[in-house]
Amino acid sequence: MRKNLLLLLILAVCLYPCFTFCEDNAISYRKAAEQGDAEAQKSLGTCYLNGWGVATDQAEAVKWYRKAAEQQYEKAQFNLGTCYQNGWGVAVDKAEAVKWYRKAAEKGFVNAQNNLGACYLNG
């Protein structure tokens, strides 16, 4: 019992800096995102999607991805496509996923080109 408690305490002490680092990043991203920085908007969306420094909120992730994607930021377009493909924060919508993958793929984003190809392959 003592061994488990000690292990839990060590784990908590080791992970605490990671949590505060994530919180600090989320705060920094939010400040820049609210000023229209597309990369920060995409990063804040990723924080919300994964619960890094903020509570997990897929709908909030989509909101920030969309803001960045509408500024033509290809990584956000790819992430937004992934959300539509998987139903993360939005209803599954394959046509919308293809739309966003295509936008990112046309900018040369390899991951989007791959996913777009897979969409065509799988219908």
C-alpha atoms as a PDB file:
ATOM      1  CA  MET A   1       0.000   0.000   0.000  1.00  0.00           C
ATOM      2  CA  ARG A   2       2.804   2.423   0.930  1.00  0.00           C
ATOM      3  CA  LYS A   3       4.618   1.543  -2.284  1.00  0.00           C
ATOM      4  CA  ASN A   4       1.554   2.438  -4.378  1.00  0.00           C
ATOM      5  CA  LEU A   5       1.052   5.683  -2.484  1.00  0.00           C
ATOM      6  CA  LEU A   6       4.699   6.633  -2.944  1.00  0.00           C
ATOM      7  CA  LEU A   7       4.536   5.823  -6.649  1.00  0.00           C
ATOM      8  CA  LEU A   8       1.401   7.943  -7.016  1.00  0.00           C
ATOM      9  CA  LEU A   9       3.048  10.847  -5.213  1.00  0.00           C
ATOM     10  CA  ILE A  10       6.154  10.649  -7.425  1.00  0.00           C
ATOM     11  CA  LEU A  11       3.987  10.548 -10.538  1.00  0.00           C
ATOM     12  CA  ALA A  12       2.005  13.597  -9.399  1.00  0.00           C
ATOM     13  CA  VAL A  13       5.185  15.561  -8.685  1.00  0.00           C
ATOM     14  CA  CYS A  14       6.637  14.630 -12.069  1.00  0.00           C
ATOM     15  CA  LEU A  15       3.499  15.473 -14.039  1.00  0.00           C
ATOM     16  CA  TYR A  16       2.667  18.772 -12.319  1.00  0.00           C
ATOM     17  CA  PRO A  17       5.138  20.799 -14.439  1.00  0.00           C
ATOM     18  CA  CYS A  18       3.589  19.318 -17.581  1.00  0.00           C
ATOM     19  CA  PHE A  19       0.098  20.427 -16.543  1.00  0.00           C
ATOM     20  CA  THR A  20       1.219  23.950 -15.712  1.00  0.00           C
ATOM     21  CA  PHE A  21       3.187  24.108 -18.968  1.00  0.00           C
ATOM     22  CA  CYS A  22       0.045  23.127 -20.881  1.00  0.00           C
ATOM     23  CA  GLU A  23      -2.021  25.700 -18.990  1.00  0.00           C
ATOM     24  CA  ASP A  24       0.551  28.399 -19.724  1.00  0.00           C
ATOM     25  CA  ASN A  25       0.555  27.472 -23.409  1.00  0.00           C
ATOM     26  CA  ALA A  26      -3.231  27.515 -23.587  1.00  0.00           C
ATOM     27  CA  ILE A  27      -3.289  30.991 -22.022  1.00  0.00           C
ATOM     28  CA  SER A  28      -0.653  32.247 -24.474  1.00  0.00           C
ATOM     29  CA  TYR A  29      -2.440  30.670 -27.433  1.00  0.00           C
ATOM     30  CA  ARG A  30      -5.753  32.213 -26.383  1.00  0.00           C
ATOM     31  CA  LYS A  31      -4.278  35.725 -26.219  1.00  0.00           C
ATOM     32  CA  ALA A  32      -2.792  35.424 -29.703  1.00  0.00           C
ATOM     33  CA  ALA A  33      -5.824  33.556 -31.078  1.00  0.00           C
ATOM     34  CA  GLU A  34      -8.194  36.280 -29.954  1.00  0.00           C
ATOM     35  CA  GLN A  35      -6.041  38.762 -31.873  1.00  0.00           C
ATOM     36  CA  GLY A  36      -6.492  36.710 -35.056  1.00  0.00           C
ATOM     37  CA  ASP A  37      -3.264  34.678 -35.145  1.00  0.00           C
ATOM     38  CA  ALA A  38      -4.158  31.623 -37.243  1.00  0.00           C
ATOM     39  CA  GLU A  39      -1.389  29.398 -35.909  1.00  0.00           C
ATOM     40  CA  ALA A  40      -2.403  30.203 -32.316  1.00  0.00           C
ATOM     41  CA  GLN A  41      -6.046  29.522 -33.202  1.00  0.00           C
ATOM     42  CA  LYS A  42      -5.099  26.109 -34.558  1.00  0.00           C
ATOM     43  CA  SER A  43      -2.945  25.391 -31.497  1.00  0.00           C
ATOM     44  CA  LEU A  44      -5.714  26.461 -29.123  1.00  0.00           C
ATOM     45  CA  GLY A  45      -8.090  24.171 -30.995  1.00  0.00           C
ATOM     46  CA  THR A  46      -5.663  21.315 -30.450  1.00  0.00           C
ATOM     47  CA  CYS A  47      -5.486  22.132 -26.728  1.00  0.00           C
ATOM     48  CA  TYR A  48      -9.288  21.878 -26.535  1.00  0.00           C
ATOM     49  CA  LEU A  49      -9.412  18.700 -28.586  1.00  0.00           C
ATOM     50  CA  ASN A  50      -6.879  16.959 -26.341  1.00  0.00           C
ATOM     51  CA  GLY A  51      -7.580  18.642 -23.007  1.00  0.00           C
ATOM     52  CA  TRP A  52      -4.107  20.175 -22.801  1.00  0.00           C
ATOM     53  CA  GLY A  53      -4.262  22.980 -20.247  1.00  0.00           C
ATOM     54  CA  VAL A  54      -8.032  23.347 -20.697  1.00  0.00           C
ATOM     55  CA  ALA A  55     -11.041  21.084 -20.293  1.00  0.00           C
ATOM     56  CA  THR A  56     -11.577  18.842 -23.310  1.00  0.00           C
ATOM     57  CA  ASP A  57     -14.207  20.452 -25.538  1.00  0.00           C
ATOM     58  CA  GLN A  58     -14.457  19.210 -29.107  1.00  0.00           C
ATOM     59  CA  ALA A  59     -16.968  21.883 -30.154  1.00  0.00           C
ATOM     60  CA  GLU A  60     -14.604  24.595 -28.904  1.00  0.00           C
ATOM     61  CA  ALA A  61     -11.767  22.911 -30.802  1.00  0.00           C
ATOM     62  CA  VAL A  62     -13.806  23.051 -34.010  1.00  0.00           C
ATOM     63  CA  LYS A  63     -14.597  26.719 -33.403  1.00  0.00           C
ATOM     64  CA  TRP A  64     -10.896  27.624 -33.223  1.00  0.00           C
ATOM     65  CA  TYR A  65      -9.912  25.329 -36.098  1.00  0.00           C
ATOM     66  CA  ARG A  66     -12.573  26.991 -38.260  1.00  0.00           C
ATOM     67  CA  LYS A  67     -11.290  30.496 -37.449  1.00  0.00           C
ATOM     68  CA  ALA A  68      -7.793  29.495 -38.547  1.00  0.00           C
ATOM     69  CA  ALA A  69      -9.007  27.458 -41.532  1.00  0.00           C
ATOM     70  CA  GLU A  70     -10.988  30.414 -42.850  1.00  0.00           C
ATOM     71  CA  GLN A  71      -7.711  32.347 -42.825  1.00  0.00           C
ATOM     72  CA  GLN A  72      -6.385  29.701 -45.243  1.00  0.00           C
ATOM     73  CA  TYR A  73      -4.118  28.033 -42.651  1.00  0.00           C
ATOM     74  CA  GLU A  74      -3.660  24.572 -44.126  1.00  0.00           C
ATOM     75  CA  LYS A  75      -2.920  22.740 -40.849  1.00  0.00           C
ATOM     76  CA  ALA A  76      -6.200  24.018 -39.416  1.00  0.00           C
ATOM     77  CA  GLN A  77      -8.010  23.076 -42.630  1.00  0.00           C
ATOM     78  CA  PHE A  78      -6.640  19.559 -42.265  1.00  0.00           C
ATOM     79  CA  ASN A  79      -7.648  19.394 -38.589  1.00  0.00           C
ATOM     80  CA  LEU A  80     -11.125  20.675 -39.392  1.00  0.00           C
ATOM     81  CA  GLY A  81     -11.447  18.022 -42.089  1.00  0.00           C
ATOM     82  CA  THR A  82     -10.421  15.395 -39.547  1.00  0.00           C
ATOM     83  CA  CYS A  83     -13.079  16.646 -37.132  1.00  0.00           C
ATOM     84  CA  TYR A  84     -15.756  16.324 -39.813  1.00  0.00           C
ATOM     85  CA  GLN A  85     -14.518  12.901 -40.843  1.00  0.00           C
ATOM     86  CA  ASN A  86     -14.587  11.572 -37.274  1.00  0.00           C
ATOM     87  CA  GLY A  87     -17.492  13.527 -35.803  1.00  0.00           C
ATOM     88  CA  TRP A  88     -15.350  15.374 -33.258  1.00  0.00           C
ATOM     89  CA  GLY A  89     -17.347  18.399 -32.123  1.00  0.00           C
ATOM     90  CA  VAL A  90     -19.529  18.274 -35.250  1.00  0.00           C
ATOM     91  CA  ALA A  91     -21.741  15.728 -36.933  1.00  0.00           C
ATOM     92  CA  VAL A  92     -19.893  13.363 -39.270  1.00  0.00           C
ATOM     93  CA  ASP A  93     -19.982  14.982 -42.713  1.00  0.00           C
ATOM     94  CA  LYS A  94     -17.775  13.298 -45.297  1.00  0.00           C
ATOM     95  CA  ALA A  95     -18.426  15.975 -47.947  1.00  0.00           C
ATOM     96  CA  GLU A  96     -17.335  18.707 -45.524  1.00  0.00           C
ATOM     97  CA  ALA A  97     -14.261  16.674 -44.594  1.00  0.00           C
ATOM     98  CA  VAL A  98     -13.316  16.351 -48.273  1.00  0.00           C
ATOM     99  CA  LYS A  99     -13.833  20.101 -48.757  1.00  0.00           C
ATOM    100  CA  TRP A 100     -11.360  20.980 -46.005  1.00  0.00           C
ATOM    101  CA  TYR A 101      -8.878  18.253 -46.949  1.00  0.00           C
ATOM    102  CA  ARG A 102      -8.930  19.520 -50.534  1.00  0.00           C
ATOM    103  CA  LYS A 103      -8.193  23.094 -49.450  1.00  0.00           C
ATOM    104  CA  ALA A 104      -5.186  21.961 -47.413  1.00  0.00           C
ATOM    105  CA  ALA A 105      -4.045  19.488 -50.069  1.00  0.00           C
ATOM    106  CA  GLU A 106      -4.025  22.205 -52.729  1.00  0.00           C
ATOM    107  CA  LYS A 107      -1.546  24.096 -50.541  1.00  0.00           C
ATOM    108  CA  GLY A 108       0.741  21.056 -50.582  1.00  0.00           C
ATOM    109  CA  PHE A 109      -0.038  19.773 -47.080  1.00  0.00           C
ATOM    110  CA  VAL A 110       0.962  16.106 -47.378  1.00  0.00           C
ATOM    111  CA  ASN A 111      -1.269  14.755 -44.589  1.00  0.00           C
ATOM    112  CA  ALA A 112      -4.278  16.345 -46.255  1.00  0.00           C
ATOM    113  CA  GLN A 113      -3.267  14.921 -49.634  1.00  0.00           C
ATOM    114  CA  ASN A 114      -3.082  11.484 -48.027  1.00  0.00           C
ATOM    115  CA  ASN A 115      -6.468  11.793 -46.321  1.00  0.00           C
ATOM    116  CA  LEU A 116      -8.081  13.214 -49.457  1.00  0.00           C
ATOM    117  CA  GLY A 117      -6.733  10.287 -51.462  1.00  0.00           C
ATOM    118  CA  ALA A 118      -8.098   7.874 -48.860  1.00  0.00           C
ATOM    119  CA  CYS A 119     -11.497   9.587 -49.072  1.00  0.00           C
ATOM    120  CA  TYR A 120     -11.571   9.099 -52.846  1.00  0.00           C
ATOM    121  CA  LEU A 121     -10.363   5.516 -52.510  1.00  0.00           C
ATOM    122  CA  ASN A 122     -13.019   4.663 -49.932  1.00  0.00           C
ATOM    123  CA  GLY A 123     -15.832   6.668 -51.491  1.00  0.00           C
END
